[in-house]
Amino acid sequence: MLPRKVLFWVAAAGALAVAPARADVKPHPLFTDNMVLQQGVSLPVFGMADPGEEVTVTLTGPKGSATAKTEADKTGHWKVLLDKQTAGTGFSLTAAGKNKAEFKNVAVGEVWVCSGQSNMEMQVNSSETPDKVKAESKHPNIRLFTVHQRAALAPITDQADLKHFEKWVVCGPDTVGRFSAVAYHFGVSLQKHLDDTPIGLIHTSWGGTPAEAWTSLEALAAVPELNHYVNNVKNLKEQIAKYDPVKGKEAYAAAQEKYKEALAKHKDAVEKAKAEGKTAPKAPTPPQQPGPPAAGGHTPAALYNAMIAPLLPYAVKGAIWYQGESNAGRAFEYRTLFATMIEDWRTKWKSDLPFMLVQLAPFMAINKEPQDSQWAELREAQYLATVNLKKVGMSVITDVGDEKDIHPKPKQPVGERLATAARALAYGEKVEPIGPTYKSLKVEGDKAVVTFDHLGGGLVAKGDKLTGFTVCGKDHKFHNAAAEIKGDTVVVTCPDVAEPVAVRFGWANFPVVNLWSKDGLPACPFRSDTFQGVTEPKKPAATATKTSASKYSRTRLK
């Protein structure tokens, strides 16, 4: 027999082995040192603990503290609501149960989600004059949080599964270089006009991704025009379920043999090309390792699930958005898709979330003759969101483009115009949120007279004469036109069009335009017509000039 003392320790070890591990109180990864909490709203603080464990959350600031208690539910989740706070710094946040988690250098201010594709993702390090920007980036009351790229087939609810979340950092030369340039310039400009109120920027973007990937599956399912995206996800899940790892390995082995044969042939081809003084052919591509299909950056709802849903219900003021390039070929659908995404986010945050977007920059000059353009139609779809939905603003950047680069480097004017829109629509400042926008068209003989909203002190041409206007007659064939500012209108004429029917402005992939407001904002590209576009589903000739019945598809033709 074993000695009694040995038996005691064996029994104790066995008891420890079967006893459930105690779960420390763990606030969600969004709660770290240097965080910014949203002012003026009841503050949700949430996390994990043992089921039934009592959790006490306290926010302590220069003028006092706010406390709330709760118990973790049967799954271990807990959430409290702290009293509304006014902006300031020098706060600390604690969450205490069987243990205590404490966070320091906490601020209360304005929190914005910054999302989209590559032009939102572009870092300060890759933008215009990065060294100068970083040298001037010491803003202790601007805090930065980054969500790295990840896709998921269902919303991520396990906070332990958020390794792609970084921690809040204070903005400065050592931290801003890897952060979104657009988001940074937005934050700096916004803070400047909000009397140095602390600003929190949550950057969550992924280059080359479409809007449907950022929209929840239930939102896509609720709109008939978008149901096909739900089917895409259903098909992917079926492929995953049917995947056979044994067959996958067999297929990979067969592919490897073919690859080896291709390599041998390529080697011979290279030697032959070298002997004949010709360019060597490209090497064959090796096969990919076996594995089941998986969600990616283009999978509908997948980025919402992994990069937006895990932010909920963290309190935020609003969102800024730079995306659309990946949906340009489906611009007409984007009218519905984009508005659906915005309303989806608002539903999930239970807020009328102010939403500021960037209209696509000029890109891909083709020729100087008027023509249809997918990018122009996408810009129109973006603009329509500002018409059809409340508190949606837009940064027009017709002056910030690169004919050969889809990623123009100047990002400061982009961020600053987003901040201007936010000041007007989210904070109620008496500033124009956007430059001149199309209001109406009146034909007077051979003249087409265009009126505008958002005049911003009046119209002005940056150059000797206005550029970018085209006009058509009853044949719907557009011609480059002369344009002249007359008071608060623009008069458009063309010797080839005796009886104007419609006017377009900046209707091109790479518009060359120079109409601005005196307040310093460029005019928004527009068309006065509703002729069927190249991305609109074809309809019978009798209805070819009518718009879709979708509530988001109307234009402002008057």
Protein backbone atom coordinates (compact mmCIF):
# COMPACT_ATOMS: atom_id res chain seq x y z
CA MET A 1 0.00 0.00 0.00
CA LEU A 2 0.95 3.60 -0.56
CA PRO A 3 1.74 5.67 2.53
CA ARG A 4 -1.20 7.71 3.84
CA LYS A 5 0.50 11.04 3.00
CA VAL A 6 1.02 9.92 -0.60
CA LEU A 7 -2.61 8.82 -0.88
CA PHE A 8 -3.72 12.24 0.35
CA TRP A 9 -1.78 14.08 -2.37
CA VAL A 10 -2.96 11.70 -5.07
CA ALA A 11 -6.57 12.28 -4.03
CA ALA A 12 -6.05 16.04 -3.92
CA ALA A 13 -4.50 16.03 -7.37
CA GLY A 14 -7.42 14.04 -8.72
CA ALA A 15 -9.89 16.49 -7.24
CA LEU A 16 -8.07 19.39 -8.82
CA ALA A 17 -8.03 17.62 -12.17
CA VAL A 18 -11.82 17.30 -12.32
CA ALA A 19 -12.68 20.66 -10.72
CA PRO A 20 -13.73 23.31 -13.24
CA ALA A 21 -11.12 26.00 -13.81
CA ARG A 22 -12.09 29.34 -12.31
CA ALA A 23 -12.67 31.95 -15.00
CA ASP A 24 -11.30 35.37 -14.16
CA VAL A 25 -13.48 38.37 -14.85
CA LYS A 26 -12.35 39.36 -18.34
CA PRO A 27 -13.73 42.48 -19.98
CA HIS A 28 -14.08 42.30 -23.77
CA PRO A 29 -10.81 42.96 -25.71
CA LEU A 30 -12.15 46.41 -26.69
CA PHE A 31 -11.56 47.46 -23.07
CA THR A 32 -7.85 48.18 -22.57
CA ASP A 33 -5.60 50.91 -21.28
CA ASN A 34 -5.85 54.12 -23.37
CA MET A 35 -9.40 53.37 -24.56
CA VAL A 36 -11.97 56.05 -25.41
CA LEU A 37 -15.54 55.64 -24.19
CA GLN A 38 -18.40 57.42 -25.94
CA GLN A 39 -19.66 60.51 -24.15
CA GLY A 40 -23.33 61.40 -23.67
CA VAL A 41 -24.80 57.87 -23.75
CA SER A 42 -25.33 55.06 -21.28
CA LEU A 43 -22.05 53.16 -21.49
CA PRO A 44 -22.15 49.39 -22.07
CA VAL A 45 -19.25 47.52 -20.49
CA PHE A 46 -19.23 43.78 -21.12
CA GLY A 47 -17.14 40.64 -20.91
CA MET A 48 -16.87 37.11 -19.48
CA ALA A 49 -16.71 35.51 -16.02
CA ASP A 50 -17.90 32.38 -14.24
CA PRO A 51 -21.63 31.74 -14.72
CA GLY A 52 -23.48 33.46 -11.89
CA GLU A 53 -20.43 35.42 -10.74
CA GLU A 54 -21.19 38.92 -9.50
CA VAL A 55 -19.32 41.60 -11.44
CA THR A 56 -18.90 45.20 -10.32
CA VAL A 57 -17.79 47.78 -12.89
CA THR A 58 -16.57 51.21 -11.83
CA LEU A 59 -15.52 54.16 -13.96
CA THR A 60 -13.58 56.67 -11.90
CA GLY A 61 -12.79 60.14 -13.18
CA PRO A 62 -11.64 63.56 -12.02
CA LYS A 63 -15.17 64.49 -10.91
CA GLY A 64 -16.36 61.24 -9.35
CA SER A 65 -17.27 57.72 -10.29
CA ALA A 66 -20.05 55.61 -11.78
CA THR A 67 -20.71 52.02 -10.68
CA ALA A 68 -22.94 49.21 -11.87
CA LYS A 69 -23.31 45.56 -10.83
CA THR A 70 -24.56 42.44 -12.56
CA GLU A 71 -24.21 38.66 -12.61
CA ALA A 72 -22.73 36.67 -15.45
CA ASP A 73 -25.38 34.62 -17.26
CA LYS A 74 -25.26 30.84 -17.63
CA THR A 75 -22.88 31.17 -20.59
CA GLY A 76 -20.54 33.42 -18.61
CA HIS A 77 -21.41 36.63 -20.45
CA TRP A 78 -22.08 39.83 -18.53
CA LYS A 79 -22.90 43.44 -19.39
CA VAL A 80 -23.59 46.58 -17.39
CA LEU A 81 -24.66 50.10 -18.35
CA LEU A 82 -22.80 52.95 -16.72
CA ASP A 83 -24.28 56.43 -16.39
CA LYS A 84 -23.67 58.95 -19.15
CA GLN A 85 -20.36 60.78 -18.97
CA THR A 86 -19.05 64.08 -20.28
CA ALA A 87 -15.83 64.31 -22.28
CA GLY A 88 -12.54 64.27 -20.43
CA THR A 89 -9.36 62.39 -19.62
CA GLY A 90 -7.78 60.84 -16.55
CA PHE A 91 -10.37 58.08 -16.07
CA SER A 92 -9.80 54.51 -14.92
CA LEU A 93 -12.10 51.53 -15.39
CA THR A 94 -12.27 48.46 -13.17
CA ALA A 95 -14.25 45.24 -13.45
CA ALA A 96 -14.16 43.18 -10.26
CA GLY A 97 -15.46 39.77 -9.26
CA LYS A 98 -13.28 37.00 -7.90
CA ASN A 99 -10.45 38.98 -9.44
CA LYS A 100 -10.03 42.59 -10.56
CA ALA A 101 -9.21 43.94 -14.01
CA GLU A 102 -8.14 47.58 -14.13
CA PHE A 103 -7.54 49.89 -17.10
CA LYS A 104 -5.78 53.24 -16.94
CA ASN A 105 -5.41 56.38 -19.04
CA VAL A 106 -9.04 56.04 -20.12
CA ALA A 107 -10.72 58.93 -21.92
CA VAL A 108 -14.33 59.84 -22.60
CA GLY A 109 -15.08 61.51 -25.92
CA GLU A 110 -16.15 60.67 -29.47
CA VAL A 111 -15.69 57.16 -30.89
CA TRP A 112 -15.85 56.46 -34.63
CA VAL A 113 -15.67 53.19 -36.55
CA CYS A 114 -13.47 53.50 -39.67
CA SER A 115 -14.13 50.82 -42.27
CA GLY A 116 -14.03 49.92 -45.96
CA GLN A 117 -11.50 48.53 -48.40
CA SER A 118 -7.95 49.40 -49.44
CA ASN A 119 -8.18 53.20 -49.52
CA MET A 120 -9.37 53.15 -45.90
CA GLU A 121 -6.78 50.50 -45.11
CA MET A 122 -3.91 52.54 -46.62
CA GLN A 123 -1.51 53.37 -43.81
CA VAL A 124 0.03 56.72 -43.01
CA ASN A 125 3.35 55.08 -43.96
CA SER A 126 2.08 54.62 -47.53
CA SER A 127 0.32 57.96 -47.94
CA GLU A 128 1.53 61.39 -48.98
CA THR A 129 4.43 62.89 -46.96
CA PRO A 130 4.42 60.18 -44.26
CA ASP A 131 7.47 61.49 -42.43
CA LYS A 132 5.92 64.93 -42.06
CA VAL A 133 2.58 63.48 -40.95
CA LYS A 134 4.21 61.28 -38.32
CA ALA A 135 6.38 64.10 -37.04
CA GLU A 136 3.23 66.15 -36.40
CA SER A 137 1.13 63.28 -35.01
CA LYS A 138 1.58 63.78 -31.28
CA HIS A 139 -2.07 63.89 -30.22
CA PRO A 140 -2.36 62.32 -26.74
CA ASN A 141 -6.13 62.62 -26.76
CA ILE A 142 -6.56 60.74 -30.03
CA ARG A 143 -6.52 56.99 -29.42
CA LEU A 144 -6.20 54.26 -32.06
CA PHE A 145 -7.60 50.72 -32.15
CA THR A 146 -7.02 48.23 -34.98
CA VAL A 147 -9.00 45.15 -35.99
CA HIS A 148 -6.96 42.88 -38.25
CA GLN A 149 -8.38 41.06 -41.25
CA ARG A 150 -10.47 38.01 -40.58
CA ALA A 151 -13.53 36.31 -42.11
CA ALA A 152 -16.10 34.06 -40.44
CA LEU A 153 -19.25 32.23 -41.49
CA ALA A 154 -21.10 33.26 -38.31
CA PRO A 155 -20.80 36.25 -35.97
CA ILE A 156 -17.93 35.72 -33.53
CA THR A 157 -19.37 35.78 -30.00
CA ASP A 158 -16.49 34.15 -28.12
CA GLN A 159 -14.27 37.00 -26.96
CA ALA A 160 -11.41 34.56 -26.48
CA ASP A 161 -11.54 34.12 -30.25
CA LEU A 162 -10.60 37.72 -31.01
CA LYS A 163 -6.85 37.42 -31.43
CA HIS A 164 -7.18 39.74 -34.43
CA PHE A 165 -8.02 42.63 -32.07
CA GLU A 166 -5.14 44.88 -31.03
CA LYS A 167 -5.13 47.18 -27.99
CA TRP A 168 -5.85 50.89 -27.80
CA VAL A 169 -2.74 53.04 -28.28
CA VAL A 170 -2.12 56.76 -27.93
CA CYS A 171 -1.64 58.53 -31.26
CA GLY A 172 1.92 59.60 -31.90
CA PRO A 173 4.95 59.18 -34.19
CA ASP A 174 5.57 55.63 -32.95
CA THR A 175 1.98 54.40 -33.41
CA VAL A 176 0.34 56.29 -36.29
CA GLY A 177 2.51 55.00 -39.14
CA ARG A 178 0.68 51.67 -39.39
CA PHE A 179 -2.75 53.23 -38.88
CA SER A 180 -5.31 54.22 -41.53
CA ALA A 181 -4.31 57.56 -43.07
CA VAL A 182 -7.90 58.57 -43.85
CA ALA A 183 -9.03 57.73 -40.32
CA TYR A 184 -6.11 59.61 -38.77
CA HIS A 185 -6.73 62.81 -40.75
CA PHE A 186 -10.44 62.56 -40.00
CA GLY A 187 -9.69 62.32 -36.28
CA VAL A 188 -7.27 65.25 -36.28
CA SER A 189 -9.67 67.52 -38.16
CA LEU A 190 -12.66 66.49 -36.05
CA GLN A 191 -10.82 67.05 -32.78
CA LYS A 192 -9.67 70.47 -33.95
CA HIS A 193 -13.30 71.54 -34.37
CA LEU A 194 -14.54 69.85 -31.19
CA ASP A 195 -12.35 71.82 -28.78
CA ASP A 196 -9.81 69.03 -28.26
CA THR A 197 -12.45 66.47 -27.24
CA PRO A 198 -10.82 63.02 -27.00
CA ILE A 199 -11.30 61.01 -30.19
CA GLY A 200 -11.32 57.22 -30.44
CA LEU A 201 -10.80 55.65 -33.88
CA ILE A 202 -11.57 51.95 -34.42
CA HIS A 203 -10.03 50.90 -37.73
CA THR A 204 -11.51 47.77 -39.31
CA SER A 205 -11.01 47.43 -43.06
CA TRP A 206 -9.86 44.95 -45.72
CA GLY A 207 -8.57 45.84 -49.19
CA GLY A 208 -10.42 44.60 -52.25
CA THR A 209 -13.60 43.63 -50.42
CA PRO A 210 -17.24 44.25 -51.47
CA ALA A 211 -20.03 45.79 -49.39
CA GLU A 212 -21.98 42.52 -49.14
CA ALA A 213 -19.12 41.08 -47.06
CA TRP A 214 -19.68 43.87 -44.49
CA THR A 215 -23.45 43.30 -44.25
CA SER A 216 -25.11 40.74 -41.98
CA LEU A 217 -26.67 37.68 -43.56
CA GLU A 218 -30.10 38.44 -42.08
CA ALA A 219 -30.04 41.93 -43.60
CA LEU A 220 -29.16 40.51 -47.02
CA ALA A 221 -31.89 37.88 -46.67
CA ALA A 222 -34.52 40.53 -45.92
CA VAL A 223 -34.10 42.27 -49.30
CA PRO A 224 -35.29 40.33 -52.38
CA GLU A 225 -32.71 41.96 -54.67
CA LEU A 226 -29.92 40.75 -52.37
CA ASN A 227 -31.10 37.20 -51.67
CA HIS A 228 -28.57 35.73 -54.08
CA TYR A 229 -25.82 36.55 -51.61
CA VAL A 230 -27.50 34.33 -49.03
CA ASN A 231 -27.47 31.49 -51.55
CA ASN A 232 -23.73 32.03 -52.03
CA VAL A 233 -23.14 31.43 -48.33
CA LYS A 234 -25.46 28.43 -48.32
CA ASN A 235 -23.53 26.87 -51.20
CA LEU A 236 -20.21 27.48 -49.43
CA LYS A 237 -21.45 25.80 -46.26
CA GLU A 238 -22.61 22.81 -48.31
CA GLN A 239 -19.19 22.52 -49.93
CA ILE A 240 -17.53 22.62 -46.52
CA ALA A 241 -19.88 19.93 -45.20
CA LYS A 242 -19.21 17.68 -48.21
CA TYR A 243 -15.44 18.07 -48.11
CA ASP A 244 -13.64 14.72 -47.84
CA PRO A 245 -10.11 15.10 -46.40
CA VAL A 246 -9.00 11.71 -47.81
CA LYS A 247 -10.10 12.62 -51.32
CA GLY A 248 -8.56 16.04 -50.82
CA LYS A 249 -5.16 14.51 -50.05
CA GLU A 250 -5.46 12.16 -53.01
CA ALA A 251 -6.32 15.05 -55.31
CA TYR A 252 -3.37 17.03 -53.93
CA ALA A 253 -0.99 14.12 -54.54
CA ALA A 254 -2.23 13.82 -58.11
CA ALA A 255 -1.83 17.58 -58.59
CA GLN A 256 1.72 17.37 -57.24
CA GLU A 257 2.63 14.72 -59.84
CA LYS A 258 1.22 16.89 -62.63
CA TYR A 259 3.14 19.84 -61.22
CA LYS A 260 6.41 17.90 -61.30
CA GLU A 261 5.75 16.95 -64.92
CA ALA A 262 4.97 20.58 -65.73
CA LEU A 263 8.19 21.71 -64.02
CA ALA A 264 10.22 19.30 -66.13
CA LYS A 265 8.61 20.57 -69.32
CA HIS A 266 9.11 24.15 -68.16
CA LYS A 267 12.82 23.49 -67.61
CA ASP A 268 13.16 22.22 -71.17
CA ALA A 269 11.16 25.20 -72.47
CA VAL A 270 13.41 27.64 -70.61
CA GLU A 271 16.55 26.07 -72.07
CA LYS A 272 15.06 26.14 -75.56
CA ALA A 273 14.01 29.80 -75.19
CA LYS A 274 17.49 30.69 -73.95
CA ALA A 275 19.10 28.97 -76.91
CA GLU A 276 16.80 30.79 -79.34
CA GLY A 277 17.21 34.15 -77.57
CA LYS A 278 13.55 34.32 -76.62
CA THR A 279 11.79 35.25 -73.36
CA ALA A 280 11.46 32.30 -71.01
CA PRO A 281 7.90 31.12 -70.26
CA LYS A 282 6.40 31.59 -66.81
CA ALA A 283 6.88 28.78 -64.32
CA PRO A 284 3.84 26.65 -63.48
CA THR A 285 1.95 27.42 -60.30
CA PRO A 286 2.32 24.84 -57.51
CA PRO A 287 -0.90 23.26 -56.21
CA GLN A 288 -2.38 24.48 -52.96
CA GLN A 289 -2.34 22.39 -49.81
CA PRO A 290 -5.55 20.43 -49.29
CA GLY A 291 -8.25 21.81 -47.05
CA PRO A 292 -11.96 22.54 -47.00
CA PRO A 293 -13.34 25.70 -48.59
CA ALA A 294 -13.39 28.65 -46.21
CA ALA A 295 -14.92 32.08 -45.85
CA GLY A 296 -12.82 34.89 -47.30
CA GLY A 297 -12.85 38.60 -47.91
CA HIS A 298 -15.51 38.30 -50.63
CA THR A 299 -17.84 35.94 -48.78
CA PRO A 300 -21.15 37.69 -48.07
CA ALA A 301 -21.48 38.67 -44.37
CA ALA A 302 -18.08 37.18 -43.51
CA LEU A 303 -16.40 40.47 -42.62
CA TYR A 304 -19.45 41.68 -40.76
CA ASN A 305 -19.26 38.48 -38.72
CA ALA A 306 -15.57 38.79 -37.83
CA MET A 307 -14.78 42.51 -37.95
CA ILE A 308 -18.02 44.38 -37.14
CA ALA A 309 -20.26 42.11 -35.03
CA PRO A 310 -17.52 41.58 -32.37
CA LEU A 311 -17.48 45.36 -31.78
CA LEU A 312 -21.07 45.28 -30.58
CA PRO A 313 -22.41 46.72 -28.34
CA TYR A 314 -19.43 49.05 -27.73
CA ALA A 315 -20.83 52.58 -27.81
CA VAL A 316 -19.78 54.66 -30.81
CA LYS A 317 -20.79 58.00 -32.27
CA GLY A 318 -20.72 57.08 -35.95
CA ALA A 319 -18.86 55.50 -38.84
CA ILE A 320 -16.69 56.62 -41.74
CA TRP A 321 -16.49 54.46 -44.86
CA TYR A 322 -14.26 54.33 -47.95
CA GLN A 323 -15.28 51.49 -50.25
CA GLY A 324 -16.96 50.88 -53.58
CA GLU A 325 -14.25 49.97 -56.05
CA SER A 326 -15.07 46.27 -55.64
CA ASN A 327 -18.76 46.88 -56.38
CA ALA A 328 -18.33 49.20 -59.38
CA GLY A 329 -19.40 46.52 -61.84
CA ARG A 330 -22.66 46.21 -59.87
CA ALA A 331 -23.21 49.93 -59.28
CA PHE A 332 -26.98 49.85 -59.78
CA GLU A 333 -27.35 47.10 -57.20
CA TYR A 334 -25.09 49.11 -54.87
CA ARG A 335 -27.89 51.64 -54.50
CA THR A 336 -29.79 49.01 -52.55
CA LEU A 337 -26.86 47.08 -51.09
CA PHE A 338 -25.07 50.07 -49.59
CA ALA A 339 -28.21 51.55 -48.04
CA THR A 340 -29.08 48.11 -46.65
CA MET A 341 -25.64 47.84 -45.06
CA ILE A 342 -25.94 51.26 -43.41
CA GLU A 343 -29.39 50.47 -42.01
CA ASP A 344 -28.11 47.07 -40.88
CA TRP A 345 -25.31 48.64 -38.84
CA ARG A 346 -27.78 51.09 -37.36
CA THR A 347 -30.09 48.26 -36.37
CA LYS A 348 -27.26 46.33 -34.77
CA TRP A 349 -26.00 49.35 -32.82
CA LYS A 350 -29.58 50.35 -31.95
CA SER A 351 -28.67 53.87 -33.03
CA ASP A 352 -29.25 56.31 -35.90
CA LEU A 353 -25.51 56.00 -36.45
CA PRO A 354 -24.24 59.01 -38.47
CA PHE A 355 -22.47 57.57 -41.50
CA MET A 356 -19.89 59.49 -43.57
CA LEU A 357 -18.61 57.98 -46.82
CA VAL A 358 -15.94 58.78 -49.38
CA GLN A 359 -17.02 58.97 -53.01
CA LEU A 360 -14.71 57.12 -55.37
CA ALA A 361 -11.64 59.02 -56.53
CA PRO A 362 -10.92 59.55 -60.25
CA PHE A 363 -9.17 56.57 -61.83
CA MET A 364 -8.58 54.98 -65.25
CA ALA A 365 -8.83 57.76 -67.83
CA ILE A 366 -10.02 56.17 -71.08
CA ASN A 367 -10.58 58.95 -73.60
CA LYS A 368 -11.96 62.45 -73.78
CA GLU A 369 -15.25 61.58 -75.44
CA PRO A 370 -18.40 61.24 -73.27
CA GLN A 371 -19.27 57.63 -72.53
CA ASP A 372 -20.95 55.36 -70.02
CA SER A 373 -18.97 54.61 -66.89
CA GLN A 374 -19.38 52.02 -64.15
CA TRP A 375 -17.41 54.22 -61.77
CA ALA A 376 -19.67 57.18 -62.46
CA GLU A 377 -22.70 55.01 -61.72
CA LEU A 378 -21.09 53.81 -58.48
CA ARG A 379 -20.47 57.43 -57.44
CA GLU A 380 -24.13 58.14 -58.15
CA ALA A 381 -25.16 55.18 -55.98
CA GLN A 382 -22.98 56.54 -53.19
CA TYR A 383 -24.53 59.99 -53.51
CA LEU A 384 -28.05 58.53 -53.47
CA ALA A 385 -27.37 57.14 -50.00
CA THR A 386 -27.03 60.74 -48.80
CA VAL A 387 -30.41 61.51 -50.37
CA ASN A 388 -32.35 58.43 -49.31
CA LEU A 389 -31.06 58.11 -45.74
CA LYS A 390 -30.77 60.60 -42.90
CA LYS A 391 -27.42 61.57 -41.40
CA VAL A 392 -25.39 60.19 -44.30
CA GLY A 393 -22.65 62.52 -45.51
CA MET A 394 -20.08 62.28 -48.28
CA SER A 395 -16.54 63.40 -49.02
CA VAL A 396 -16.27 64.30 -52.73
CA ILE A 397 -12.67 63.92 -53.94
CA THR A 398 -12.73 64.64 -57.68
CA ASP A 399 -9.52 66.62 -57.15
CA VAL A 400 -7.74 63.73 -55.40
CA GLY A 401 -7.17 60.97 -57.94
CA ASP A 402 -4.50 59.22 -59.92
CA GLU A 403 -5.11 58.06 -63.47
CA LYS A 404 -2.91 54.98 -63.02
CA ASP A 405 -3.21 54.30 -59.29
CA ILE A 406 -6.40 53.16 -57.62
CA HIS A 407 -4.81 54.21 -54.33
CA PRO A 408 -4.15 57.97 -54.55
CA LYS A 409 -1.71 59.00 -51.86
CA PRO A 410 -3.22 62.31 -50.67
CA LYS A 411 -5.46 61.31 -47.78
CA GLN A 412 -5.57 64.50 -45.72
CA PRO A 413 -8.27 66.23 -47.82
CA VAL A 414 -10.28 63.00 -47.78
CA GLY A 415 -10.28 62.81 -43.99
CA GLU A 416 -10.86 66.52 -43.55
CA ARG A 417 -13.95 66.49 -45.80
CA LEU A 418 -15.31 63.50 -43.89
CA ALA A 419 -14.87 65.54 -40.73
CA THR A 420 -16.69 68.49 -42.31
CA ALA A 421 -19.63 66.24 -43.17
CA ALA A 422 -19.62 64.84 -39.64
CA ARG A 423 -19.54 68.30 -38.09
CA ALA A 424 -22.69 69.19 -40.00
CA LEU A 425 -24.66 65.94 -39.79
CA ALA A 426 -23.48 64.38 -36.52
CA TYR A 427 -22.78 67.51 -34.46
CA GLY A 428 -25.17 70.08 -35.92
CA GLU A 429 -22.60 72.72 -36.86
CA LYS A 430 -23.71 75.37 -39.34
CA VAL A 431 -21.41 74.22 -42.14
CA GLU A 432 -22.20 72.70 -45.52
CA PRO A 433 -21.62 68.93 -45.36
CA ILE A 434 -20.83 68.71 -49.06
CA GLY A 435 -20.02 70.86 -52.08
CA PRO A 436 -22.56 71.89 -54.75
CA THR A 437 -24.99 69.11 -55.70
CA TYR A 438 -27.43 68.92 -58.58
CA LYS A 439 -30.88 70.36 -57.87
CA SER A 440 -32.73 70.90 -61.14
CA LEU A 441 -32.47 71.44 -64.89
CA LYS A 442 -34.35 74.04 -66.95
CA VAL A 443 -34.04 74.24 -70.73
CA GLU A 444 -34.19 77.70 -72.34
CA GLY A 445 -33.86 77.32 -76.11
CA ASP A 446 -30.42 75.87 -76.78
CA LYS A 447 -29.30 76.48 -73.19
CA ALA A 448 -29.49 74.03 -70.30
CA VAL A 449 -29.59 75.89 -66.98
CA VAL A 450 -28.53 73.84 -63.95
CA THR A 451 -29.31 74.86 -60.36
CA PHE A 452 -27.61 73.52 -57.25
CA ASP A 453 -28.05 72.78 -53.58
CA HIS A 454 -25.28 73.29 -51.01
CA LEU A 455 -23.93 76.39 -52.71
CA GLY A 456 -21.54 77.12 -49.84
CA GLY A 457 -21.29 80.85 -50.43
CA GLY A 458 -21.63 80.56 -54.20
CA LEU A 459 -20.20 78.77 -57.20
CA VAL A 460 -16.65 79.21 -58.41
CA ALA A 461 -14.49 77.74 -61.18
CA LYS A 462 -10.93 76.76 -60.33
CA GLY A 463 -9.47 77.65 -63.70
CA ASP A 464 -10.15 79.81 -66.73
CA LYS A 465 -13.32 77.95 -67.70
CA LEU A 466 -15.54 75.19 -66.36
CA THR A 467 -14.75 71.64 -67.39
CA GLY A 468 -16.49 68.29 -67.17
CA PHE A 469 -19.98 69.17 -68.48
CA THR A 470 -21.68 67.20 -71.25
CA VAL A 471 -25.12 67.59 -72.81
CA CYS A 472 -27.41 65.54 -75.03
CA GLY A 473 -30.50 66.03 -77.17
CA LYS A 474 -33.38 63.68 -77.92
CA ASP A 475 -30.97 61.15 -79.42
CA HIS A 476 -29.39 60.69 -75.96
CA LYS A 477 -25.92 61.09 -77.47
CA PHE A 478 -23.77 63.17 -75.15
CA HIS A 479 -21.31 65.81 -76.35
CA ASN A 480 -18.67 67.79 -74.51
CA ALA A 481 -20.17 71.17 -73.68
CA ALA A 482 -19.25 74.71 -72.74
CA ALA A 483 -20.38 75.82 -69.29
CA GLU A 484 -20.50 79.19 -67.58
CA ILE A 485 -21.40 80.26 -64.06
CA LYS A 486 -24.32 82.68 -64.00
CA GLY A 487 -25.05 83.66 -60.41
CA ASP A 488 -26.04 80.46 -58.60
CA THR A 489 -26.55 78.51 -61.82
CA VAL A 490 -24.42 76.96 -64.54
CA VAL A 491 -25.49 77.51 -68.15
CA VAL A 492 -24.49 74.65 -70.46
CA THR A 493 -24.40 74.89 -74.27
CA CYS A 494 -23.10 72.90 -77.21
CA PRO A 495 -23.27 73.73 -80.95
CA ASP A 496 -24.09 70.05 -81.66
CA VAL A 497 -27.17 70.09 -79.41
CA ALA A 498 -29.87 72.56 -80.44
CA GLU A 499 -32.49 71.24 -77.99
CA PRO A 500 -30.87 69.98 -74.75
CA VAL A 501 -32.55 67.12 -72.92
CA ALA A 502 -30.05 66.18 -70.23
CA VAL A 503 -26.81 67.37 -68.66
CA ARG A 504 -24.04 65.38 -67.00
CA PHE A 505 -21.10 66.59 -64.93
CA GLY A 506 -18.01 64.57 -64.08
CA TRP A 507 -19.60 61.48 -65.63
CA ALA A 508 -16.43 59.49 -66.29
CA ASN A 509 -14.00 57.09 -64.66
CA PHE A 510 -11.51 59.94 -64.38
CA PRO A 511 -13.52 63.18 -64.39
CA VAL A 512 -11.59 66.37 -65.04
CA VAL A 513 -13.76 68.94 -63.26
CA ASN A 514 -13.25 72.26 -61.54
CA LEU A 515 -16.61 73.48 -60.19
CA TRP A 516 -16.37 74.28 -56.47
CA SER A 517 -18.17 76.18 -53.77
CA LYS A 518 -16.60 79.33 -52.38
CA ASP A 519 -16.45 77.44 -49.06
CA GLY A 520 -13.79 75.21 -50.63
CA LEU A 521 -15.63 71.98 -51.48
CA PRO A 522 -15.76 70.39 -54.96
CA ALA A 523 -19.09 69.90 -56.71
CA CYS A 524 -20.51 66.40 -56.75
CA PRO A 525 -20.63 64.59 -60.12
CA PHE A 526 -24.18 64.13 -61.37
CA ARG A 527 -26.51 63.38 -64.25
CA SER A 528 -29.91 64.99 -64.72
CA ASP A 529 -31.22 62.00 -66.68
CA THR A 530 -32.40 58.54 -65.65
CA PHE A 531 -31.34 56.77 -68.84
CA GLN A 532 -30.57 53.11 -68.34
CA GLY A 533 -26.99 52.70 -67.17
CA VAL A 534 -24.45 50.03 -68.04
CA THR A 535 -24.80 48.32 -64.64
CA GLU A 536 -28.60 48.41 -64.53
CA PRO A 537 -30.39 45.15 -65.43
CA LYS A 538 -31.79 45.38 -68.92
CA LYS A 539 -35.50 46.09 -69.22
CA PRO A 540 -37.95 46.12 -72.14
CA ALA A 541 -37.51 49.14 -74.41
CA ALA A 542 -40.86 50.60 -73.30
CA THR A 543 -39.52 51.04 -69.75
CA ALA A 544 -35.86 51.63 -70.52
CA THR A 545 -35.72 55.10 -68.98
CA LYS A 546 -37.52 54.23 -65.76
CA THR A 547 -35.75 53.53 -62.50
CA SER A 548 -36.11 50.41 -60.40
CA ALA A 549 -38.96 50.06 -57.95
CA SER A 550 -36.47 49.66 -55.11
CA LYS A 551 -36.93 52.35 -52.49
CA TYR A 552 -33.21 53.08 -52.67
CA SER A 553 -32.97 53.35 -56.46
CA ARG A 554 -34.62 56.69 -57.17
CA THR A 555 -32.66 59.62 -58.54
CA ARG A 556 -33.30 63.34 -58.06
CA LEU A 557 -34.52 64.10 -61.57
CA LYS A 558 -36.86 67.12 -61.48
